[in-house]
């Protein structure tokens, strides 16, 4: 599992949990969390509902990262 970026912003208080990747669209802002820690926050680049995976352009690093619902909960900001 990736290490949380110390420069990443705190979790968004008004974020709503994503129960299905099918509800996400390109351009949505999401947070990928695990154990109460936000590991990635950024714009949805692509989704693969069959794989339970979302590609996020992390706003703190600019890197494109694949994150799975098997490892993270997703929160829409």
C-alpha atoms as a PDB file:
ATOM      1  CA  UNK A   1       0.000   0.000   0.000  1.00  0.00           C
ATOM      2  CA  UNK A   2       1.337   3.477  -0.789  1.00  0.00           C
ATOM      3  CA  UNK A   3       2.507   5.790   1.934  1.00  0.00           C
ATOM      4  CA  UNK A   4       0.279   8.796   2.575  1.00  0.00           C
ATOM      5  CA  UNK A   5       1.806  11.978   1.224  1.00  0.00           C
ATOM      6  CA  UNK A   6       2.531  14.348   4.114  1.00  0.00           C
ATOM      7  CA  UNK A   7       1.789  17.263   1.802  1.00  0.00           C
ATOM      8  CA  UNK A   8      -1.637  16.001   0.777  1.00  0.00           C
ATOM      9  CA  UNK A   9      -4.607  17.953   2.118  1.00  0.00           C
ATOM     10  CA  UNK A  10      -6.724  16.694   4.964  1.00  0.00           C
ATOM     11  CA  UNK A  11      -9.850  14.746   4.189  1.00  0.00           C
ATOM     12  CA  UNK A  12     -12.770  16.760   2.907  1.00  0.00           C
ATOM     13  CA  UNK A  13     -15.421  17.072   5.604  1.00  0.00           C
ATOM     14  CA  UNK A  14     -18.371  17.176   3.188  1.00  0.00           C
ATOM     15  CA  UNK A  15     -17.241  14.376   0.920  1.00  0.00           C
ATOM     16  CA  UNK A  16     -19.772  11.654   0.119  1.00  0.00           C
ATOM     17  CA  UNK A  17     -18.743   8.005   0.016  1.00  0.00           C
ATOM     18  CA  UNK A  18     -18.813   6.378  -3.418  1.00  0.00           C
ATOM     19  CA  UNK A  19     -20.535   2.996  -3.289  1.00  0.00           C
ATOM     20  CA  UNK A  20     -20.218   2.206  -7.001  1.00  0.00           C
ATOM     21  CA  UNK A  21     -17.474   3.167  -9.425  1.00  0.00           C
ATOM     22  CA  UNK A  22     -20.182   3.467 -12.084  1.00  0.00           C
ATOM     23  CA  UNK A  23     -21.278   6.710 -10.394  1.00  0.00           C
ATOM     24  CA  UNK A  24     -17.905   8.353 -11.073  1.00  0.00           C
ATOM     25  CA  UNK A  25     -17.195  10.369 -14.195  1.00  0.00           C
ATOM     26  CA  UNK A  26     -14.034  11.829 -15.701  1.00  0.00           C
ATOM     27  CA  UNK A  27     -13.283  15.142 -14.046  1.00  0.00           C
ATOM     28  CA  UNK A  28     -14.882  14.261 -10.695  1.00  0.00           C
ATOM     29  CA  UNK A  29     -12.717  15.068  -7.680  1.00  0.00           C
ATOM     30  CA  UNK A  30     -12.272  12.080  -5.386  1.00  0.00           C
ATOM     31  CA  UNK A  31     -10.277  10.972  -2.380  1.00  0.00           C
ATOM     32  CA  UNK A  32      -8.960   7.427  -1.964  1.00  0.00           C
ATOM     33  CA  UNK A  33      -8.895   6.592   1.743  1.00  0.00           C
ATOM     34  CA  UNK A  34      -7.850   3.636   3.848  1.00  0.00           C
ATOM     35  CA  UNK A  35      -8.008   3.415   7.610  1.00  0.00           C
ATOM     36  CA  UNK A  36      -9.083   7.047   7.935  1.00  0.00           C
ATOM     37  CA  UNK A  37      -6.069   8.308   5.965  1.00  0.00           C
ATOM     38  CA  UNK A  38      -6.325   9.973   2.564  1.00  0.00           C
ATOM     39  CA  UNK A  39      -3.711   8.481   0.235  1.00  0.00           C
ATOM     40  CA  UNK A  40      -4.753  10.143  -3.019  1.00  0.00           C
ATOM     41  CA  UNK A  41      -6.882  13.174  -3.842  1.00  0.00           C
ATOM     42  CA  UNK A  42      -7.467  14.362  -7.347  1.00  0.00           C
ATOM     43  CA  UNK A  43      -9.360  14.195 -10.610  1.00  0.00           C
ATOM     44  CA  UNK A  44     -10.794  10.985 -12.026  1.00  0.00           C
ATOM     45  CA  UNK A  45      -9.025  10.228 -15.303  1.00  0.00           C
ATOM     46  CA  UNK A  46     -10.670   6.895 -16.121  1.00  0.00           C
ATOM     47  CA  UNK A  47     -12.653   4.077 -14.534  1.00  0.00           C
ATOM     48  CA  UNK A  48     -12.823   0.309 -14.938  1.00  0.00           C
ATOM     49  CA  UNK A  49     -15.973  -0.817 -13.110  1.00  0.00           C
ATOM     50  CA  UNK A  50     -15.326  -4.489 -13.940  1.00  0.00           C
ATOM     51  CA  UNK A  51     -11.969  -4.249 -12.153  1.00  0.00           C
ATOM     52  CA  UNK A  52     -13.260  -1.949  -9.364  1.00  0.00           C
ATOM     53  CA  UNK A  53     -10.463   0.446 -10.323  1.00  0.00           C
ATOM     54  CA  UNK A  54     -10.227   4.209 -10.734  1.00  0.00           C
ATOM     55  CA  UNK A  55      -7.329   6.134 -12.258  1.00  0.00           C
ATOM     56  CA  UNK A  56      -6.746   9.378 -10.385  1.00  0.00           C
ATOM     57  CA  UNK A  57      -4.480  12.311 -11.294  1.00  0.00           C
ATOM     58  CA  UNK A  58      -3.142  13.065  -7.802  1.00  0.00           C
ATOM     59  CA  UNK A  59      -3.248  16.809  -7.192  1.00  0.00           C
ATOM     60  CA  UNK A  60      -0.255  16.863  -4.838  1.00  0.00           C
ATOM     61  CA  UNK A  61       2.153  14.952  -7.116  1.00  0.00           C
ATOM     62  CA  UNK A  62       0.568  15.213 -10.565  1.00  0.00           C
ATOM     63  CA  UNK A  63       1.028  11.473 -11.036  1.00  0.00           C
ATOM     64  CA  UNK A  64      -1.664   9.238 -12.509  1.00  0.00           C
ATOM     65  CA  UNK A  65      -2.421   6.427 -10.061  1.00  0.00           C
ATOM     66  CA  UNK A  66      -4.666   3.371 -10.240  1.00  0.00           C
ATOM     67  CA  UNK A  67      -6.602   2.735  -7.033  1.00  0.00           C
ATOM     68  CA  UNK A  68      -8.900  -0.216  -6.371  1.00  0.00           C
ATOM     69  CA  UNK A  69     -12.027  -0.468  -4.241  1.00  0.00           C
ATOM     70  CA  UNK A  70     -10.423  -3.635  -2.845  1.00  0.00           C
ATOM     71  CA  UNK A  71      -7.813  -1.441  -1.119  1.00  0.00           C
ATOM     72  CA  UNK A  72      -9.502   1.949  -0.684  1.00  0.00           C
ATOM     73  CA  UNK A  73     -12.814   3.623  -0.056  1.00  0.00           C
ATOM     74  CA  UNK A  74     -13.589   6.458  -2.452  1.00  0.00           C
ATOM     75  CA  UNK A  75     -15.097   9.755  -1.440  1.00  0.00           C
ATOM     76  CA  UNK A  76     -16.455  12.309  -3.900  1.00  0.00           C
ATOM     77  CA  UNK A  77     -15.671  15.889  -2.953  1.00  0.00           C
END
